[in-house]
Amino acid sequence: MNNEPNQIFSDLVENPKDYDVKIKVGEYPNIKEFKAHSIILLARSDYFKTALSSRWAKREDRFIIFDKPNISPLVFEILIKNIFE
């Protein structure tokens, strides 16, 4: 394999497969849903270590759901890409 781990993580942001976290950010009319993998969020982010182990997140079916209306989709996209790179 010639892919670096960082490239593989970046690909997961662009084309999420087998994700288990849905993060809805922004306020109407500027709302975007991001799909992510809890194992990567836990490993790479102290914020998500706390968030995923607390009552901040809802659970629906097999997904962990976050609603974050206080952050813009553009800013969150930058943050999530940095976590996955």
PDB file of N, CA and C in Angstrom:
ATOM      1  N   MET A   1       0.837  -1.180   0.000  1.00  0.00           N
ATOM      2  CA  MET A   1       0.000   0.000   0.000  1.00  0.00           C
ATOM      3  C   MET A   1       0.880   1.239   0.000  1.00  0.00           C
ATOM      4  N   ASN A   2       0.544   2.172  -0.836  1.00  0.00           N
ATOM      5  CA  ASN A   2       1.339   3.383  -0.886  1.00  0.00           C
ATOM      6  C   ASN A   2       0.638   4.566  -0.226  1.00  0.00           C
ATOM      7  N   ASN A   3      -0.536   4.360   0.371  1.00  0.00           N
ATOM      8  CA  ASN A   3      -1.241   5.442   1.056  1.00  0.00           C
ATOM      9  C   ASN A   3      -0.704   5.606   2.461  1.00  0.00           C
ATOM     10  N   GLU A   4      -0.469   6.832   2.830  1.00  0.00           N
ATOM     11  CA  GLU A   4      -0.100   7.151   4.197  1.00  0.00           C
ATOM     12  C   GLU A   4      -1.363   7.097   5.063  1.00  0.00           C
ATOM     13  N   PRO A   5      -1.224   6.812   6.355  1.00  0.00           N
ATOM     14  CA  PRO A   5      -2.404   6.802   7.229  1.00  0.00           C
ATOM     15  C   PRO A   5      -3.185   8.114   7.196  1.00  0.00           C
ATOM     16  N   ASN A   6      -2.488   9.250   7.140  1.00  0.00           N
ATOM     17  CA  ASN A   6      -3.189  10.536   7.097  1.00  0.00           C
ATOM     18  C   ASN A   6      -4.071  10.650   5.870  1.00  0.00           C
ATOM     19  N   GLN A   7      -3.627  10.149   4.737  1.00  0.00           N
ATOM     20  CA  GLN A   7      -4.439  10.198   3.525  1.00  0.00           C
ATOM     21  C   GLN A   7      -5.670   9.308   3.670  1.00  0.00           C
ATOM     22  N   ILE A   8      -5.495   8.178   4.297  1.00  0.00           N
ATOM     23  CA  ILE A   8      -6.627   7.276   4.519  1.00  0.00           C
ATOM     24  C   ILE A   8      -7.658   7.949   5.417  1.00  0.00           C
ATOM     25  N   PHE A   9      -7.199   8.604   6.504  1.00  0.00           N
ATOM     26  CA  PHE A   9      -8.124   9.321   7.380  1.00  0.00           C
ATOM     27  C   PHE A   9      -8.820  10.447   6.630  1.00  0.00           C
ATOM     28  N   SER A  10      -8.084  11.190   5.813  1.00  0.00           N
ATOM     29  CA  SER A  10      -8.679  12.275   5.026  1.00  0.00           C
ATOM     30  C   SER A  10      -9.748  11.742   4.092  1.00  0.00           C
ATOM     31  N   ASP A  11      -9.502  10.596   3.504  1.00  0.00           N
ATOM     32  CA  ASP A  11     -10.490   9.987   2.610  1.00  0.00           C
ATOM     33  C   ASP A  11     -11.774   9.641   3.361  1.00  0.00           C
ATOM     34  N   LEU A  12     -11.657   9.282   4.633  1.00  0.00           N
ATOM     35  CA  LEU A  12     -12.844   8.960   5.426  1.00  0.00           C
ATOM     36  C   LEU A  12     -13.731  10.182   5.649  1.00  0.00           C
ATOM     37  N   VAL A  13     -13.145  11.374   5.685  1.00  0.00           N
ATOM     38  CA  VAL A  13     -13.938  12.598   5.819  1.00  0.00           C
ATOM     39  C   VAL A  13     -14.714  12.850   4.537  1.00  0.00           C
ATOM     40  N   GLU A  14     -14.052  12.690   3.409  1.00  0.00           N
ATOM     41  CA  GLU A  14     -14.681  12.970   2.116  1.00  0.00           C
ATOM     42  C   GLU A  14     -15.690  11.894   1.720  1.00  0.00           C
ATOM     43  N   ASN A  15     -15.403  10.647   2.039  1.00  0.00           N
ATOM     44  CA  ASN A  15     -16.261   9.518   1.666  1.00  0.00           C
ATOM     45  C   ASN A  15     -16.442   8.596   2.864  1.00  0.00           C
ATOM     46  N   PRO A  16     -17.262   9.024   3.823  1.00  0.00           N
ATOM     47  CA  PRO A  16     -17.398   8.205   5.035  1.00  0.00           C
ATOM     48  C   PRO A  16     -18.035   6.852   4.740  1.00  0.00           C
ATOM     49  N   LYS A  17     -17.445   5.832   5.288  1.00  0.00           N
ATOM     50  CA  LYS A  17     -17.970   4.474   5.142  1.00  0.00           C
ATOM     51  C   LYS A  17     -17.976   3.853   6.528  1.00  0.00           C
ATOM     52  N   ASP A  18     -19.059   3.184   6.861  1.00  0.00           N
ATOM     53  CA  ASP A  18     -19.191   2.535   8.164  1.00  0.00           C
ATOM     54  C   ASP A  18     -19.039   3.523   9.324  1.00  0.00           C
ATOM     55  N   TYR A  19     -19.510   4.734   9.138  1.00  0.00           N
ATOM     56  CA  TYR A  19     -19.453   5.748  10.192  1.00  0.00           C
ATOM     57  C   TYR A  19     -20.479   5.417  11.279  1.00  0.00           C
ATOM     58  N   ASP A  20     -20.246   5.951  12.470  1.00  0.00           N
ATOM     59  CA  ASP A  20     -21.190   5.726  13.563  1.00  0.00           C
ATOM     60  C   ASP A  20     -21.531   7.006  14.326  1.00  0.00           C
ATOM     61  N   VAL A  21     -21.068   8.146  13.810  1.00  0.00           N
ATOM     62  CA  VAL A  21     -21.350   9.436  14.432  1.00  0.00           C
ATOM     63  C   VAL A  21     -21.905  10.383  13.376  1.00  0.00           C
ATOM     64  N   LYS A  22     -22.988  11.077  13.745  1.00  0.00           N
ATOM     65  CA  LYS A  22     -23.552  12.132  12.899  1.00  0.00           C
ATOM     66  C   LYS A  22     -23.493  13.426  13.699  1.00  0.00           C
ATOM     67  N   ILE A  23     -22.887  14.454  13.098  1.00  0.00           N
ATOM     68  CA  ILE A  23     -22.745  15.734  13.776  1.00  0.00           C
ATOM     69  C   ILE A  23     -23.419  16.799  12.918  1.00  0.00           C
ATOM     70  N   LYS A  24     -24.505  17.355  13.434  1.00  0.00           N
ATOM     71  CA  LYS A  24     -25.233  18.391  12.705  1.00  0.00           C
ATOM     72  C   LYS A  24     -24.809  19.741  13.265  1.00  0.00           C
ATOM     73  N   VAL A  25     -24.260  20.595  12.389  1.00  0.00           N
ATOM     74  CA  VAL A  25     -23.746  21.891  12.836  1.00  0.00           C
ATOM     75  C   VAL A  25     -24.437  23.026  12.093  1.00  0.00           C
ATOM     76  N   GLY A  26     -24.428  24.191  12.728  1.00  0.00           N
ATOM     77  CA  GLY A  26     -24.994  25.386  12.121  1.00  0.00           C
ATOM     78  C   GLY A  26     -26.448  25.591  12.495  1.00  0.00           C
ATOM     79  N   GLU A  27     -26.963  26.705  12.010  1.00  0.00           N
ATOM     80  CA  GLU A  27     -28.359  27.062  12.223  1.00  0.00           C
ATOM     81  C   GLU A  27     -29.012  27.300  10.875  1.00  0.00           C
ATOM     82  N   TYR A  28     -30.322  27.100  10.824  1.00  0.00           N
ATOM     83  CA  TYR A  28     -31.075  27.301   9.596  1.00  0.00           C
ATOM     84  C   TYR A  28     -30.836  28.713   9.083  1.00  0.00           C
ATOM     85  N   PRO A  29     -30.575  28.900   7.827  1.00  0.00           N
ATOM     86  CA  PRO A  29     -30.618  27.953   6.710  1.00  0.00           C
ATOM     87  C   PRO A  29     -29.259  27.325   6.400  1.00  0.00           C
ATOM     88  N   ASN A  30     -28.281  27.526   7.275  1.00  0.00           N
ATOM     89  CA  ASN A  30     -26.919  27.060   7.020  1.00  0.00           C
ATOM     90  C   ASN A  30     -26.585  25.893   7.950  1.00  0.00           C
ATOM     91  N   ILE A  31     -27.160  24.720   7.660  1.00  0.00           N
ATOM     92  CA  ILE A  31     -26.948  23.514   8.466  1.00  0.00           C
ATOM     93  C   ILE A  31     -26.274  22.458   7.598  1.00  0.00           C
ATOM     94  N   LYS A  32     -25.310  21.759   8.188  1.00  0.00           N
ATOM     95  CA  LYS A  32     -24.644  20.668   7.467  1.00  0.00           C
ATOM     96  C   LYS A  32     -24.453  19.500   8.428  1.00  0.00           C
ATOM     97  N   GLU A  33     -24.632  18.288   7.911  1.00  0.00           N
ATOM     98  CA  GLU A  33     -24.399  17.086   8.714  1.00  0.00           C
ATOM     99  C   GLU A  33     -23.082  16.449   8.295  1.00  0.00           C
ATOM    100  N   PHE A  34     -22.247  16.179   9.287  1.00  0.00           N
ATOM    101  CA  PHE A  34     -20.971  15.508   9.066  1.00  0.00           C
ATOM    102  C   PHE A  34     -21.086  14.085   9.598  1.00  0.00           C
ATOM    103  N   LYS A  35     -20.459  13.176   8.900  1.00  0.00           N
ATOM    104  CA  LYS A  35     -20.436  11.769   9.309  1.00  0.00           C
ATOM    105  C   LYS A  35     -19.002  11.433   9.698  1.00  0.00           C
ATOM    106  N   ALA A  36     -18.854  10.753  10.827  1.00  0.00           N
ATOM    107  CA  ALA A  36     -17.513  10.486  11.333  1.00  0.00           C
ATOM    108  C   ALA A  36     -17.471   9.129  12.026  1.00  0.00           C
ATOM    109  N   HIS A  37     -16.284   8.762  12.440  1.00  0.00           N
ATOM    110  CA  HIS A  37     -16.022   7.479  13.088  1.00  0.00           C
ATOM    111  C   HIS A  37     -15.600   7.738  14.530  1.00  0.00           C
ATOM    112  N   SER A  38     -16.351   7.209  15.471  1.00  0.00           N
ATOM    113  CA  SER A  38     -16.082   7.488  16.882  1.00  0.00           C
ATOM    114  C   SER A  38     -14.679   7.055  17.294  1.00  0.00           C
ATOM    115  N   ILE A  39     -14.190   5.972  16.775  1.00  0.00           N
ATOM    116  CA  ILE A  39     -12.867   5.482  17.173  1.00  0.00           C
ATOM    117  C   ILE A  39     -11.771   6.488  16.821  1.00  0.00           C
ATOM    118  N   ILE A  40     -11.909   7.151  15.680  1.00  0.00           N
ATOM    119  CA  ILE A  40     -10.925   8.159  15.277  1.00  0.00           C
ATOM    120  C   ILE A  40     -11.102   9.421  16.111  1.00  0.00           C
ATOM    121  N   LEU A  41     -12.348   9.836  16.326  1.00  0.00           N
ATOM    122  CA  LEU A  41     -12.594  11.016  17.154  1.00  0.00           C
ATOM    123  C   LEU A  41     -12.042  10.813  18.563  1.00  0.00           C
ATOM    124  N   LEU A  42     -12.259   9.635  19.134  1.00  0.00           N
ATOM    125  CA  LEU A  42     -11.747   9.334  20.473  1.00  0.00           C
ATOM    126  C   LEU A  42     -10.222   9.352  20.517  1.00  0.00           C
ATOM    127  N   ALA A  43      -9.602   8.821  19.503  1.00  0.00           N
ATOM    128  CA  ALA A  43      -8.143   8.718  19.480  1.00  0.00           C
ATOM    129  C   ALA A  43      -7.455  10.052  19.213  1.00  0.00           C
ATOM    130  N   ARG A  44      -8.130  10.956  18.506  1.00  0.00           N
ATOM    131  CA  ARG A  44      -7.452  12.161  18.035  1.00  0.00           C
ATOM    132  C   ARG A  44      -7.941  13.463  18.662  1.00  0.00           C
ATOM    133  N   SER A  45      -8.945  13.412  19.546  1.00  0.00           N
ATOM    134  CA  SER A  45      -9.507  14.662  20.058  1.00  0.00           C
ATOM    135  C   SER A  45      -9.926  14.524  21.521  1.00  0.00           C
ATOM    136  N   ASP A  46      -9.320  15.339  22.385  1.00  0.00           N
ATOM    137  CA  ASP A  46      -9.721  15.352  23.794  1.00  0.00           C
ATOM    138  C   ASP A  46     -11.165  15.813  23.948  1.00  0.00           C
ATOM    139  N   TYR A  47     -11.585  16.765  23.124  1.00  0.00           N
ATOM    140  CA  TYR A  47     -12.971  17.232  23.171  1.00  0.00           C
ATOM    141  C   TYR A  47     -13.929  16.064  22.950  1.00  0.00           C
ATOM    142  N   PHE A  48     -13.687  15.277  21.898  1.00  0.00           N
ATOM    143  CA  PHE A  48     -14.591  14.173  21.601  1.00  0.00           C
ATOM    144  C   PHE A  48     -14.452  13.022  22.591  1.00  0.00           C
ATOM    145  N   LYS A  49     -13.294  12.880  23.236  1.00  0.00           N
ATOM    146  CA  LYS A  49     -13.181  11.882  24.315  1.00  0.00           C
ATOM    147  C   LYS A  49     -14.205  12.183  25.399  1.00  0.00           C
ATOM    148  N   THR A  50     -14.324  13.452  25.740  1.00  0.00           N
ATOM    149  CA  THR A  50     -15.305  13.858  26.745  1.00  0.00           C
ATOM    150  C   THR A  50     -16.716  13.773  26.192  1.00  0.00           C
ATOM    151  N   ALA A  51     -16.907  14.321  25.021  1.00  0.00           N
ATOM    152  CA  ALA A  51     -18.252  14.392  24.437  1.00  0.00           C
ATOM    153  C   ALA A  51     -18.852  13.009  24.195  1.00  0.00           C
ATOM    154  N   LEU A  52     -18.063  12.087  23.721  1.00  0.00           N
ATOM    155  CA  LEU A  52     -18.580  10.754  23.412  1.00  0.00           C
ATOM    156  C   LEU A  52     -18.818   9.913  24.663  1.00  0.00           C
ATOM    157  N   SER A  53     -18.208  10.294  25.770  1.00  0.00           N
ATOM    158  CA  SER A  53     -18.386   9.520  27.001  1.00  0.00           C
ATOM    159  C   SER A  53     -19.355  10.200  27.968  1.00  0.00           C
ATOM    160  N   SER A  54     -20.040  11.216  27.513  1.00  0.00           N
ATOM    161  CA  SER A  54     -20.935  11.960  28.396  1.00  0.00           C
ATOM    162  C   SER A  54     -22.364  11.934  27.884  1.00  0.00           C
ATOM    163  N   ARG A  55     -23.171  12.725  28.545  1.00  0.00           N
ATOM    164  CA  ARG A  55     -24.571  12.835  28.144  1.00  0.00           C
ATOM    165  C   ARG A  55     -24.773  13.871  27.047  1.00  0.00           C
ATOM    166  N   TRP A  56     -23.713  14.411  26.488  1.00  0.00           N
ATOM    167  CA  TRP A  56     -23.823  15.404  25.416  1.00  0.00           C
ATOM    168  C   TRP A  56     -24.421  14.795  24.162  1.00  0.00           C
ATOM    169  N   ALA A  57     -24.174  13.539  23.956  1.00  0.00           N
ATOM    170  CA  ALA A  57     -24.569  12.888  22.703  1.00  0.00           C
ATOM    171  C   ALA A  57     -25.840  12.075  22.898  1.00  0.00           C
ATOM    172  N   LYS A  58     -26.664  12.112  21.869  1.00  0.00           N
ATOM    173  CA  LYS A  58     -27.848  11.248  21.843  1.00  0.00           C
ATOM    174  C   LYS A  58     -27.467   9.984  21.083  1.00  0.00           C
ATOM    175  N   ARG A  59     -28.183   8.933  21.356  1.00  0.00           N
ATOM    176  CA  ARG A  59     -27.976   7.699  20.613  1.00  0.00           C
ATOM    177  C   ARG A  59     -29.270   7.339  19.921  1.00  0.00           C
ATOM    178  N   GLU A  60     -29.176   7.105  18.612  1.00  0.00           N
ATOM    179  CA  GLU A  60     -30.324   6.688  17.814  1.00  0.00           C
ATOM    180  C   GLU A  60     -29.886   5.528  16.935  1.00  0.00           C
ATOM    181  N   ASP A  61     -30.558   4.412  17.084  1.00  0.00           N
ATOM    182  CA  ASP A  61     -30.181   3.196  16.364  1.00  0.00           C
ATOM    183  C   ASP A  61     -28.720   2.907  16.650  1.00  0.00           C
ATOM    184  N   ARG A  62     -27.907   2.821  15.623  1.00  0.00           N
ATOM    185  CA  ARG A  62     -26.482   2.521  15.827  1.00  0.00           C
ATOM    186  C   ARG A  62     -25.609   3.768  15.769  1.00  0.00           C
ATOM    187  N   PHE A  63     -26.242   4.952  15.783  1.00  0.00           N
ATOM    188  CA  PHE A  63     -25.505   6.203  15.615  1.00  0.00           C
ATOM    189  C   PHE A  63     -25.444   7.018  16.902  1.00  0.00           C
ATOM    190  N   ILE A  64     -24.352   7.739  17.045  1.00  0.00           N
ATOM    191  CA  ILE A  64     -24.203   8.759  18.070  1.00  0.00           C
ATOM    192  C   ILE A  64     -24.504  10.080  17.370  1.00  0.00           C
ATOM    193  N   ILE A  65     -25.408  10.870  17.946  1.00  0.00           N
ATOM    194  CA  ILE A  65     -25.880  12.089  17.300  1.00  0.00           C
ATOM    195  C   ILE A  65     -25.476  13.307  18.129  1.00  0.00           C
ATOM    196  N   PHE A  66     -24.844  14.284  17.467  1.00  0.00           N
ATOM    197  CA  PHE A  66     -24.524  15.567  18.087  1.00  0.00           C
ATOM    198  C   PHE A  66     -25.227  16.668  17.314  1.00  0.00           C
ATOM    199  N   ASP A  67     -25.820  17.607  18.024  1.00  0.00           N
ATOM    200  CA  ASP A  67     -26.336  18.833  17.424  1.00  0.00           C
ATOM    201  C   ASP A  67     -25.488  19.972  17.964  1.00  0.00           C
ATOM    202  N   LYS A  68     -24.815  20.673  17.071  1.00  0.00           N
ATOM    203  CA  LYS A  68     -23.941  21.778  17.458  1.00  0.00           C
ATOM    204  C   LYS A  68     -24.338  23.032  16.678  1.00  0.00           C
ATOM    205  N   PRO A  69     -25.455  23.675  17.045  1.00  0.00           N
ATOM    206  CA  PRO A  69     -25.895  24.851  16.299  1.00  0.00           C
ATOM    207  C   PRO A  69     -24.991  26.065  16.496  1.00  0.00           C
ATOM    208  N   ASN A  70     -24.150  26.050  17.529  1.00  0.00           N
ATOM    209  CA  ASN A  70     -23.325  27.209  17.851  1.00  0.00           C
ATOM    210  C   ASN A  70     -22.019  27.284  17.066  1.00  0.00           C
ATOM    211  N   ILE A  71     -21.825  26.415  16.096  1.00  0.00           N
ATOM    212  CA  ILE A  71     -20.615  26.453  15.271  1.00  0.00           C
ATOM    213  C   ILE A  71     -21.025  26.408  13.805  1.00  0.00           C
ATOM    214  N   SER A  72     -20.333  27.191  12.994  1.00  0.00           N
ATOM    215  CA  SER A  72     -20.694  27.236  11.574  1.00  0.00           C
ATOM    216  C   SER A  72     -20.173  25.993  10.856  1.00  0.00           C
ATOM    217  N   PRO A  73     -20.868  25.569   9.812  1.00  0.00           N
ATOM    218  CA  PRO A  73     -20.397  24.414   9.042  1.00  0.00           C
ATOM    219  C   PRO A  73     -18.984  24.595   8.491  1.00  0.00           C
ATOM    220  N   LEU A  74     -18.644  25.795   8.053  1.00  0.00           N
ATOM    221  CA  LEU A  74     -17.309  26.036   7.497  1.00  0.00           C
ATOM    222  C   LEU A  74     -16.227  25.828   8.555  1.00  0.00           C
ATOM    223  N   VAL A  75     -16.435  26.385   9.731  1.00  0.00           N
ATOM    224  CA  VAL A  75     -15.459  26.229  10.816  1.00  0.00           C
ATOM    225  C   VAL A  75     -15.358  24.765  11.237  1.00  0.00           C
ATOM    226  N   PHE A  76     -16.496  24.088  11.363  1.00  0.00           N
ATOM    227  CA  PHE A  76     -16.460  22.689  11.786  1.00  0.00           C
ATOM    228  C   PHE A  76     -15.785  21.808  10.742  1.00  0.00           C
ATOM    229  N   GLU A  77     -15.987  22.108   9.480  1.00  0.00           N
ATOM    230  CA  GLU A  77     -15.324  21.331   8.428  1.00  0.00           C
ATOM    231  C   GLU A  77     -13.810  21.426   8.560  1.00  0.00           C
ATOM    232  N   ILE A  78     -13.309  22.606   8.866  1.00  0.00           N
ATOM    233  CA  ILE A  78     -11.865  22.776   9.082  1.00  0.00           C
ATOM    234  C   ILE A  78     -11.416  21.952  10.290  1.00  0.00           C
ATOM    235  N   LEU A  79     -12.180  22.018  11.373  1.00  0.00           N
ATOM    236  CA  LEU A  79     -11.829  21.261  12.580  1.00  0.00           C
ATOM    237  C   LEU A  79     -11.824  19.756  12.332  1.00  0.00           C
ATOM    238  N   ILE A  80     -12.863  19.257  11.691  1.00  0.00           N
ATOM    239  CA  ILE A  80     -12.965  17.807  11.488  1.00  0.00           C
ATOM    240  C   ILE A  80     -11.876  17.308  10.539  1.00  0.00           C
ATOM    241  N   LYS A  81     -11.550  18.115   9.535  1.00  0.00           N
ATOM    242  CA  LYS A  81     -10.465  17.714   8.627  1.00  0.00           C
ATOM    243  C   LYS A  81      -9.142  17.658   9.370  1.00  0.00           C
ATOM    244  N   ASN A  82      -8.916  18.585  10.301  1.00  0.00           N
ATOM    245  CA  ASN A  82      -7.682  18.551  11.087  1.00  0.00           C
ATOM    246  C   ASN A  82      -7.631  17.332  11.999  1.00  0.00           C
ATOM    247  N   ILE A  83      -8.755  16.926  12.538  1.00  0.00           N
ATOM    248  CA  ILE A  83      -8.791  15.724  13.378  1.00  0.00           C
ATOM    249  C   ILE A  83      -8.453  14.490  12.549  1.00  0.00           C
ATOM    250  N   PHE A  84      -8.947  14.438  11.324  1.00  0.00           N
ATOM    251  CA  PHE A  84      -8.766  13.254  10.487  1.00  0.00           C
ATOM    252  C   PHE A  84      -7.480  13.288   9.670  1.00  0.00           C
ATOM    253  N   GLU A  85      -6.697  14.358   9.777  1.00  0.00           N
ATOM    254  CA  GLU A  85      -5.432  14.411   9.015  1.00  0.00           C
ATOM    255  C   GLU A  85      -4.247  14.108   9.884  1.00  0.00           C
TER     256      GLU A  85
END
